[in-house]
Each structure stands twice: as C-alpha cells, then as structure tokens.
Amino acid sequence: MFTLSDFINLPQDENIVQEYGGFTLKKPQNAGLNIALTTKRLILYGFTKKSAKSGNLSLIQEMRINDIKGVEIYEKKVPEMHLAGIGILFMAASFTGFLNPAPSVFQTLDTILKNQISGISLIFSIGIIFVILSFLLKKRELSIKFKGRSENLNCGIFSDKTVIAGGSEEQRLIREIGSVIMNIQESCEDALSHTGVEVNPDEFFEKSLPDEDSDVLETEVTKEEKNLEIKPKEPPLQLDEDYGDDFSESPDLSGSKKSEKDDYLF
C-alpha cells in the first residue's frame, strides 16, 4: 500500500501521525484514496494505477490541522449498477425477441424449449433476476466531509460531494479520525502555551480608529468647560474721594470745595 512519503516530501518539523489507506474515491474522480494526518496538515491524496507507478498523484487537497472544525462521515448503500445494467439488457433483448423472433439465439431457445413464448419469458426472467440482485447486493459507500472554520475551506474533496468506497480501514477511520484530530490540535495548543511567547493583540487586531463625530463633540465640550471655569471675583470699583457726582454732592466735600464746584457748573 502506498503512503504519503511515497509522493510528498514533508519538512523536517512535520511528521505523519496517522494514515488511512485502501479507499476508492468515487466522486469527484475515480482513483485510489489515502487520508493522512500530520502534525500540521490533513492531506487527502488520490492516485490511479498508472500515476502511482510513475510516482505521481492524480489529485491532492490539504487543510491546516488547526482549521478543522468538525468531521462528518456517514455510510450509505447503493445498488450495484453493473448488475442492474446487465438485467436491463436482458429485458430489452426479450422485448426484441417478442417483436422479431428471427435472431438465432431465440431460434435456439425455441428448439430447446419447444415454445417461442417460453424462450422470450426466460430471457426476461433472467433480466429481472439481475435487477433484483443489484438491489440485494448493495455496495457500501462512505460520504465524508471535513468542515473548516470558514466556509471557503469547505470545497473540493473536503465538501459533502466526496464519496469513497469502504476499504479495509473503514471502521478504524470512523472510530479514530475525530479523536486523532483533537489530540493533534490540543498538542499544538499545549506547545504554544509552553513557549512563553506573549501575544500582542495589536498585531492581530486592527487599532480602533477615532470617530470623527466623537472628536468634534469632545472638542466642543472641552471649550464649554473652559469657558465655564470659575474666575476670581473682581474687587468693587473704588471711586476717587476728590471727585463727586456731577449731579449730586458728596457728603465728604467741604464748603469751599462745594462753592468752587458750583462756580464751575454755572
């Protein structure tokens, strides 16, 4: 059986954790299929007999192990289409013989069975048997889907259109693959947590840009607050004692000054 190392060169820091092989890919392509789990990736690769002999792959798709969110595998049984096709051919031949019994095969059957209707009925019955067998002898297939953390990862042979024929490791795949993926993901998280590297959130999240409206509002409020600041109370205006009102007399003015003021006014 072929393994991942027969087709792909892995880097030094990447190792194969588990590999499942012996499957036959039905959709989207007819090819042999292996599923490999490494310390960094999930790799599905397919090969035909001709491509495998030359060391080439006919298809490959991979996903980072930490991008896997879930796995869906369900088994279904489909009729054996080869048997159904043979049965349909026999039934079509019986209708042809009923319309035109000239072909030699029907003449031979007539000679053996001594009855033309019996020969046609025999051919039709054989066709019915093949069709029934195609439904009784259903073959098992697996529909497998690997869900990514984002929808753009759910494409190609990772999507729900992938159909594989059950191989020798079918049950082991169903039992183990989910737990193996979780173990690898947890191992990666533990390795990162023990490195002691501090993560700067600014490197992964965009800095929030200031809002233009909030800046304008904040500026206006600041100006108003500054204008409303309590100023020290100014002392009352002091009047000069030497001068009084033009229309009233100061009680402090002496008589001589009063007469001088009156002379000035008149």
Protein backbone atom coordinates (compact mmCIF):
# COMPACT_ATOMS: atom_id res chain seq x y z
CA MET A 1 0.00 0.00 0.00
CA PHE A 2 1.22 3.49 -0.84
CA THR A 3 1.97 6.03 1.88
CA LEU A 4 2.24 9.81 1.94
CA SER A 5 6.04 9.75 1.92
CA ASP A 6 5.96 7.97 -1.46
CA PHE A 7 4.53 11.10 -3.12
CA ILE A 8 5.13 14.15 -0.89
CA ASN A 9 8.28 15.45 0.75
CA LEU A 10 7.49 16.69 4.25
CA PRO A 11 9.55 19.37 6.03
CA GLN A 12 11.74 18.33 8.93
CA ASP A 13 9.40 19.72 11.58
CA GLU A 14 6.35 17.86 10.20
CA ASN A 15 5.69 14.19 10.94
CA ILE A 16 2.98 11.73 9.93
CA VAL A 17 0.72 10.98 12.91
CA GLN A 18 -1.82 8.63 11.30
CA GLU A 19 -2.70 7.47 7.81
CA TYR A 20 -5.69 5.56 6.46
CA GLY A 21 -5.47 3.88 3.08
CA GLY A 22 -7.07 1.38 0.77
CA PHE A 23 -10.08 3.52 -0.15
CA THR A 24 -11.52 4.05 -3.61
CA LEU A 25 -12.64 7.55 -4.44
CA LYS A 26 -15.90 7.63 -6.43
CA LYS A 27 -16.59 11.35 -6.53
CA PRO A 28 -15.31 13.71 -7.84
CA GLN A 29 -12.85 11.29 -9.52
CA ASN A 30 -12.31 7.54 -9.75
CA ALA A 31 -9.00 6.91 -8.03
CA GLY A 32 -7.38 5.27 -5.06
CA LEU A 33 -7.54 7.45 -1.96
CA ASN A 34 -5.49 7.79 1.21
CA ILE A 35 -6.13 10.10 4.15
CA ALA A 36 -3.09 11.28 6.11
CA LEU A 37 -2.87 13.31 9.31
CA THR A 38 0.39 15.06 10.10
CA THR A 39 1.39 17.36 12.93
CA LYS A 40 0.39 20.32 10.75
CA ARG A 41 -1.98 19.22 8.00
CA LEU A 42 -4.81 16.99 6.91
CA ILE A 43 -3.95 15.65 3.45
CA LEU A 44 -6.23 13.73 1.08
CA TYR A 45 -4.42 12.42 -1.97
CA GLY A 46 -5.56 10.19 -4.80
CA PHE A 47 -3.80 8.20 -7.47
CA THR A 48 -4.64 5.92 -10.35
CA LYS A 49 -2.70 2.77 -11.13
CA LYS A 50 -0.87 4.49 -13.95
CA SER A 51 0.01 7.61 -11.95
CA ALA A 52 1.09 5.58 -8.93
CA LYS A 53 3.59 3.59 -10.98
CA SER A 54 5.18 6.82 -12.19
CA GLY A 55 5.18 8.31 -8.68
CA ASN A 56 2.62 10.98 -9.48
CA LEU A 57 -0.66 11.93 -7.85
CA SER A 58 -3.92 12.41 -9.71
CA LEU A 59 -5.37 14.71 -7.05
CA ILE A 60 -4.46 16.22 -3.71
CA GLN A 61 -6.09 18.60 -1.26
CA GLU A 62 -4.93 19.66 2.18
CA MET A 63 -6.05 21.73 5.14
CA ARG A 64 -4.22 23.05 8.18
CA ILE A 65 -4.96 20.83 11.14
CA ASN A 66 -5.99 23.80 13.31
CA ASP A 67 -8.53 24.93 10.68
CA ILE A 68 -10.63 21.77 11.06
CA LYS A 69 -13.86 22.39 12.96
CA GLY A 70 -15.57 19.02 12.50
CA VAL A 71 -15.82 15.77 10.56
CA GLU A 72 -18.94 14.16 9.12
CA ILE A 73 -18.90 10.54 7.96
CA TYR A 74 -21.96 8.51 7.16
CA GLU A 75 -22.42 5.19 5.45
CA LYS A 76 -24.85 4.51 2.67
CA LYS A 77 -25.63 1.56 0.43
CA VAL A 78 -26.18 1.92 -3.28
CA PRO A 79 -27.34 -0.66 -5.83
CA GLU A 80 -24.73 -2.46 -7.88
CA MET A 81 -25.21 -0.67 -11.17
CA HIS A 82 -23.28 -3.26 -13.19
CA LEU A 83 -25.79 -5.99 -12.31
CA ALA A 84 -28.69 -3.65 -12.93
CA GLY A 85 -27.30 -2.79 -16.38
CA ILE A 86 -26.98 -6.46 -17.33
CA GLY A 87 -30.54 -7.10 -16.22
CA ILE A 88 -31.86 -4.21 -18.30
CA LEU A 89 -30.06 -5.57 -21.37
CA PHE A 90 -31.68 -8.99 -20.91
CA MET A 91 -35.13 -7.44 -20.59
CA ALA A 92 -34.58 -5.31 -23.69
CA ALA A 93 -33.49 -8.42 -25.61
CA SER A 94 -36.67 -10.23 -24.58
CA PHE A 95 -38.82 -7.42 -25.97
CA THR A 96 -36.81 -7.51 -29.19
CA GLY A 97 -37.34 -11.27 -29.47
CA PHE A 98 -41.03 -10.87 -28.92
CA LEU A 99 -41.27 -8.38 -31.79
CA ASN A 100 -38.84 -10.23 -34.08
CA PRO A 101 -38.02 -13.84 -33.17
CA ALA A 102 -35.68 -14.24 -36.15
CA PRO A 103 -32.30 -13.97 -34.29
CA SER A 104 -30.54 -17.30 -33.90
CA VAL A 105 -30.49 -17.13 -30.10
CA PHE A 106 -34.25 -17.18 -29.97
CA GLN A 107 -34.41 -19.94 -32.57
CA THR A 108 -32.04 -21.99 -30.44
CA LEU A 109 -34.19 -21.40 -27.37
CA ASP A 110 -37.29 -22.34 -29.32
CA THR A 111 -35.63 -25.59 -30.33
CA ILE A 112 -34.62 -26.38 -26.76
CA LEU A 113 -37.83 -25.28 -25.06
CA LYS A 114 -40.15 -26.22 -27.94
CA ASN A 115 -42.03 -22.99 -27.27
CA GLN A 116 -41.32 -19.49 -28.55
CA ILE A 117 -43.05 -17.71 -25.68
CA SER A 118 -41.10 -19.75 -23.14
CA GLY A 119 -37.77 -18.61 -24.64
CA ILE A 120 -38.69 -14.94 -24.51
CA SER A 121 -40.02 -15.33 -20.97
CA LEU A 122 -36.77 -16.99 -19.92
CA ILE A 123 -34.68 -14.07 -21.22
CA PHE A 124 -36.95 -11.57 -19.50
CA SER A 125 -36.83 -13.53 -16.23
CA ILE A 126 -33.03 -13.55 -16.28
CA GLY A 127 -33.08 -9.78 -16.67
CA ILE A 128 -35.44 -9.42 -13.72
CA ILE A 129 -33.15 -11.60 -11.58
CA PHE A 130 -30.13 -9.42 -12.33
CA VAL A 131 -32.04 -6.26 -11.44
CA ILE A 132 -33.21 -7.77 -8.16
CA LEU A 133 -29.67 -8.89 -7.33
CA SER A 134 -28.37 -5.37 -7.93
CA PHE A 135 -30.59 -4.15 -5.08
CA LEU A 136 -29.94 -7.11 -2.80
CA LEU A 137 -26.16 -6.98 -3.21
CA LYS A 138 -25.77 -3.30 -2.46
CA LYS A 139 -22.27 -1.97 -2.04
CA ARG A 140 -21.30 0.19 0.89
CA GLU A 141 -20.02 3.70 0.38
CA LEU A 142 -18.90 6.42 2.73
CA SER A 143 -19.76 10.07 2.33
CA ILE A 144 -17.15 12.13 4.13
CA LYS A 145 -16.94 15.85 4.81
CA PHE A 146 -14.29 17.84 6.66
CA LYS A 147 -15.68 21.13 7.97
CA GLY A 148 -13.36 24.11 8.05
CA ARG A 149 -13.57 27.09 10.39
CA SER A 150 -14.59 29.24 7.42
CA GLU A 151 -16.88 28.38 4.53
CA ASN A 152 -14.25 28.98 1.87
CA LEU A 153 -12.39 25.92 3.20
CA ASN A 154 -15.36 23.62 2.52
CA CYS A 155 -14.62 22.98 -1.13
CA GLY A 156 -13.29 20.28 -3.42
CA ILE A 157 -12.89 16.84 -1.91
CA PHE A 158 -13.42 18.34 1.56
CA SER A 159 -17.04 19.08 0.67
CA ASP A 160 -20.03 16.78 1.04
CA LYS A 161 -19.70 15.65 -2.60
CA THR A 162 -16.81 13.35 -1.69
CA VAL A 163 -17.80 9.68 -1.86
CA ILE A 164 -15.41 6.82 -1.16
CA ALA A 165 -15.89 3.08 -1.28
CA GLY A 166 -15.23 1.36 2.02
CA GLY A 167 -11.76 -0.08 2.31
CA SER A 168 -10.02 -2.34 4.77
CA GLU A 169 -9.58 0.53 7.25
CA GLU A 170 -13.11 1.87 7.01
CA GLN A 171 -14.17 1.15 10.60
CA ARG A 172 -10.84 2.31 12.01
CA LEU A 173 -11.27 5.60 10.15
CA ILE A 174 -14.76 6.10 11.58
CA ARG A 175 -13.67 5.29 15.13
CA GLU A 176 -10.37 7.15 15.28
CA ILE A 177 -10.16 10.16 12.99
CA GLY A 178 -12.10 12.56 15.21
CA SER A 179 -10.06 11.81 18.32
CA VAL A 180 -6.77 11.89 16.41
CA ILE A 181 -7.54 15.37 15.05
CA MET A 182 -8.46 16.63 18.53
CA ASN A 183 -5.27 15.19 20.03
CA ILE A 184 -3.12 16.91 17.41
CA GLN A 185 -4.91 20.24 17.93
CA GLU A 186 -4.51 20.01 21.71
CA SER A 187 -0.85 19.13 21.34
CA CYS A 188 -0.32 22.22 19.18
CA GLU A 189 -2.09 24.42 21.74
CA ASP A 190 -0.01 22.98 24.59
CA ALA A 191 3.18 23.56 22.65
CA LEU A 192 2.24 27.20 22.05
CA SER A 193 1.29 27.74 25.69
CA HIS A 194 4.66 26.43 26.91
CA THR A 195 6.72 28.64 24.63
CA GLY A 196 6.10 31.63 26.90
CA VAL A 197 5.69 33.99 23.96
CA GLU A 198 3.48 36.91 24.80
CA VAL A 199 0.98 37.76 22.12
CA ASN A 200 0.46 41.41 21.35
CA PRO A 201 -3.22 41.92 20.50
CA ASP A 202 -2.32 44.91 18.31
CA GLU A 203 -0.60 42.52 15.93
CA PHE A 204 -3.78 40.54 15.33
CA PHE A 205 -6.49 43.17 15.71
CA GLU A 206 -6.69 46.49 13.95
CA LYS A 207 -6.36 49.50 16.17
CA SER A 208 -9.66 51.28 16.60
CA LEU A 209 -9.69 54.47 14.63
CA PRO A 210 -11.06 57.60 16.34
CA ASP A 211 -14.55 58.58 15.44
CA GLU A 212 -14.72 61.95 13.72
CA ASP A 213 -18.05 62.89 15.32
CA SER A 214 -16.89 61.96 18.80
CA ASP A 215 -13.75 64.09 18.38
CA VAL A 216 -15.78 67.15 17.38
CA LEU A 217 -18.16 66.66 20.29
CA GLU A 218 -15.32 66.20 22.74
CA THR A 219 -13.64 69.40 21.49
CA GLU A 220 -16.82 71.43 21.88
CA VAL A 221 -17.45 70.12 25.39
CA THR A 222 -13.88 70.93 26.37
CA LYS A 223 -14.26 74.51 25.15
CA GLU A 224 -17.50 74.94 27.04
CA GLU A 225 -15.93 73.58 30.21
CA LYS A 226 -13.07 76.02 29.87
CA ASN A 227 -15.48 78.93 29.42
CA LEU A 228 -17.44 77.86 32.48
CA GLU A 229 -14.41 77.85 34.75
CA ILE A 230 -14.94 79.97 37.88
CA LYS A 231 -12.96 83.15 37.66
CA PRO A 232 -11.82 85.05 40.78
CA LYS A 233 -14.23 87.77 41.87
CA GLU A 234 -13.02 91.24 40.90
CA PRO A 235 -12.90 93.82 43.68
CA PRO A 236 -15.51 96.63 43.56
CA LEU A 237 -14.59 99.72 41.67
CA GLN A 238 -13.14 102.38 44.03
CA LEU A 239 -14.14 105.95 43.36
CA ASP A 240 -11.76 108.80 43.90
CA GLU A 241 -12.63 110.72 47.04
CA ASP A 242 -11.69 114.06 45.45
CA TYR A 243 -14.41 113.90 42.82
CA GLY A 244 -18.10 113.52 43.27
CA ASP A 245 -21.02 113.01 41.02
CA ASP A 246 -21.76 115.73 38.50
CA PHE A 247 -25.37 115.89 39.70
CA SER A 248 -25.01 115.11 43.39
CA GLU A 249 -22.78 116.22 46.13
CA SER A 250 -20.50 114.02 48.04
CA PRO A 251 -21.13 114.13 51.78
CA ASP A 252 -17.37 114.42 52.32
CA LEU A 253 -16.92 117.66 50.36
CA SER A 254 -16.12 120.72 52.41
CA GLY A 255 -17.93 124.01 51.94
CA SER A 256 -15.12 125.66 49.98
CA LYS A 257 -14.90 122.86 47.54
CA LYS A 258 -18.67 122.95 47.13
CA SER A 259 -18.66 126.57 46.15
CA GLU A 260 -15.84 126.01 43.69
CA LYS A 261 -17.83 123.26 42.08
CA ASP A 262 -20.95 125.42 41.82
CA ASP A 263 -18.96 128.22 40.22
CA TYR A 264 -17.60 125.77 37.72
CA LEU A 265 -21.01 124.49 36.75
CA PHE A 266 -22.58 127.93 36.34
